[in-house]
Amino acid sequence: MIASNANWGGGARDPAASEAREAFYRAVQKAVDDEAAAPRENGEAQ
């Protein structure tokens, strides 16, 4: 779980910080999705 608030990195008022935050969220979501899709030892997805 990721908890955040709108003031992280300057909040939504700072376009560069907003994009960095969104890129971080996308990277975390991709890592979670990749792990969930990885085959288990028995060959089934999790």
N, C-alpha and C. Protein backbone atom coordinates (compact mmCIF):
# COMPACT_ATOMS: atom_id res chain seq x y z
N MET A 1 0.84 -1.17 0.00
CA MET A 1 0.00 0.00 0.00
C MET A 1 0.89 1.24 0.00
N ILE A 2 0.50 2.20 -0.76
CA ILE A 2 1.22 3.47 -0.80
C ILE A 2 0.27 4.55 -0.29
N ALA A 3 0.72 5.26 0.71
CA ALA A 3 -0.07 6.37 1.23
C ALA A 3 0.63 7.66 0.84
N SER A 4 -0.12 8.63 0.43
CA SER A 4 0.45 9.90 0.02
C SER A 4 -0.54 11.00 0.34
N ASN A 5 -0.09 12.22 0.17
CA ASN A 5 -1.01 13.34 0.26
C ASN A 5 -0.68 14.31 -0.86
N ALA A 6 -1.53 15.25 -1.10
CA ALA A 6 -1.37 16.16 -2.24
C ALA A 6 -0.17 17.08 -2.09
N ASN A 7 0.43 17.13 -0.92
CA ASN A 7 1.55 18.02 -0.72
C ASN A 7 2.89 17.34 -1.01
N TRP A 8 2.89 16.07 -1.34
CA TRP A 8 4.12 15.34 -1.61
C TRP A 8 4.80 15.95 -2.83
N GLY A 9 6.05 16.32 -2.69
CA GLY A 9 6.79 16.90 -3.82
C GLY A 9 6.22 18.20 -4.33
N GLY A 10 5.56 18.96 -3.50
CA GLY A 10 5.02 20.23 -3.93
C GLY A 10 3.57 20.15 -4.37
N GLY A 11 3.03 18.96 -4.37
CA GLY A 11 1.62 18.79 -4.71
C GLY A 11 1.34 19.01 -6.18
N ALA A 12 0.09 19.17 -6.50
CA ALA A 12 -0.36 19.29 -7.88
C ALA A 12 0.02 20.61 -8.53
N ARG A 13 0.48 21.56 -7.74
CA ARG A 13 0.83 22.87 -8.31
C ARG A 13 2.15 22.82 -9.09
N ASP A 14 2.97 21.83 -8.82
CA ASP A 14 4.28 21.74 -9.48
C ASP A 14 4.22 20.64 -10.54
N PRO A 15 4.14 21.02 -11.82
CA PRO A 15 3.99 20.01 -12.87
C PRO A 15 5.12 18.96 -12.88
N ALA A 16 6.35 19.37 -12.64
CA ALA A 16 7.46 18.42 -12.65
C ALA A 16 7.33 17.43 -11.50
N ALA A 17 6.98 17.92 -10.32
CA ALA A 17 6.80 17.04 -9.17
C ALA A 17 5.60 16.12 -9.38
N SER A 18 4.55 16.65 -9.96
CA SER A 18 3.37 15.83 -10.23
C SER A 18 3.71 14.69 -11.19
N GLU A 19 4.46 14.99 -12.23
CA GLU A 19 4.84 13.95 -13.19
C GLU A 19 5.77 12.94 -12.54
N ALA A 20 6.69 13.39 -11.71
CA ALA A 20 7.59 12.46 -11.01
C ALA A 20 6.79 11.53 -10.11
N ARG A 21 5.81 12.09 -9.41
CA ARG A 21 4.96 11.27 -8.53
C ARG A 21 4.18 10.26 -9.35
N GLU A 22 3.60 10.70 -10.45
CA GLU A 22 2.84 9.78 -11.29
C GLU A 22 3.73 8.69 -11.88
N ALA A 23 4.95 9.05 -12.28
CA ALA A 23 5.89 8.06 -12.80
C ALA A 23 6.22 7.03 -11.72
N PHE A 24 6.40 7.49 -10.48
CA PHE A 24 6.65 6.58 -9.38
C PHE A 24 5.48 5.63 -9.18
N TYR A 25 4.26 6.17 -9.17
CA TYR A 25 3.08 5.32 -9.00
C TYR A 25 2.97 4.30 -10.14
N ARG A 26 3.25 4.73 -11.37
CA ARG A 26 3.19 3.79 -12.50
C ARG A 26 4.23 2.69 -12.35
N ALA A 27 5.43 3.05 -11.91
CA ALA A 27 6.49 2.05 -11.73
C ALA A 27 6.12 1.05 -10.64
N VAL A 28 5.55 1.54 -9.54
CA VAL A 28 5.14 0.64 -8.47
C VAL A 28 4.02 -0.27 -8.96
N GLN A 29 3.04 0.28 -9.66
CA GLN A 29 1.93 -0.54 -10.16
C GLN A 29 2.44 -1.59 -11.13
N LYS A 30 3.39 -1.25 -11.99
CA LYS A 30 3.96 -2.22 -12.93
C LYS A 30 4.67 -3.34 -12.17
N ALA A 31 5.42 -2.99 -11.13
CA ALA A 31 6.11 -4.01 -10.34
C ALA A 31 5.12 -4.96 -9.68
N VAL A 32 4.03 -4.41 -9.14
CA VAL A 32 3.00 -5.24 -8.53
C VAL A 32 2.34 -6.13 -9.58
N ASP A 33 2.00 -5.55 -10.72
CA ASP A 33 1.37 -6.33 -11.79
C ASP A 33 2.30 -7.42 -12.31
N ASP A 34 3.59 -7.09 -12.49
CA ASP A 34 4.55 -8.08 -12.97
C ASP A 34 4.69 -9.24 -12.00
N GLU A 35 4.73 -8.92 -10.71
CA GLU A 35 4.85 -9.98 -9.71
C GLU A 35 3.59 -10.85 -9.70
N ALA A 36 2.44 -10.22 -9.82
CA ALA A 36 1.18 -10.97 -9.82
C ALA A 36 1.08 -11.88 -11.04
N ALA A 37 1.67 -11.46 -12.16
CA ALA A 37 1.58 -12.24 -13.39
C ALA A 37 2.66 -13.32 -13.48
N ALA A 38 3.66 -13.24 -12.62
CA ALA A 38 4.77 -14.20 -12.68
C ALA A 38 4.26 -15.59 -12.32
N PRO A 39 4.74 -16.59 -13.05
CA PRO A 39 4.29 -17.96 -12.74
C PRO A 39 4.80 -18.40 -11.37
N ARG A 40 3.99 -19.17 -10.70
CA ARG A 40 4.39 -19.75 -9.43
C ARG A 40 5.18 -21.01 -9.70
N GLU A 41 5.66 -21.64 -8.66
CA GLU A 41 6.43 -22.86 -8.82
C GLU A 41 5.63 -23.95 -9.51
N ASN A 42 4.32 -23.96 -9.32
CA ASN A 42 3.49 -24.98 -9.94
C ASN A 42 3.01 -24.56 -11.33
N GLY A 43 3.52 -23.43 -11.84
CA GLY A 43 3.22 -22.99 -13.19
C GLY A 43 1.99 -22.14 -13.32
N GLU A 44 1.27 -21.93 -12.23
CA GLU A 44 0.06 -21.11 -12.28
C GLU A 44 0.38 -19.67 -11.90
N ALA A 45 -0.37 -18.75 -12.45
CA ALA A 45 -0.23 -17.35 -12.04
C ALA A 45 -0.75 -17.22 -10.61
N GLN A 46 -0.30 -16.21 -9.90
CA GLN A 46 -0.74 -16.01 -8.52
C GLN A 46 -2.14 -15.49 -8.47
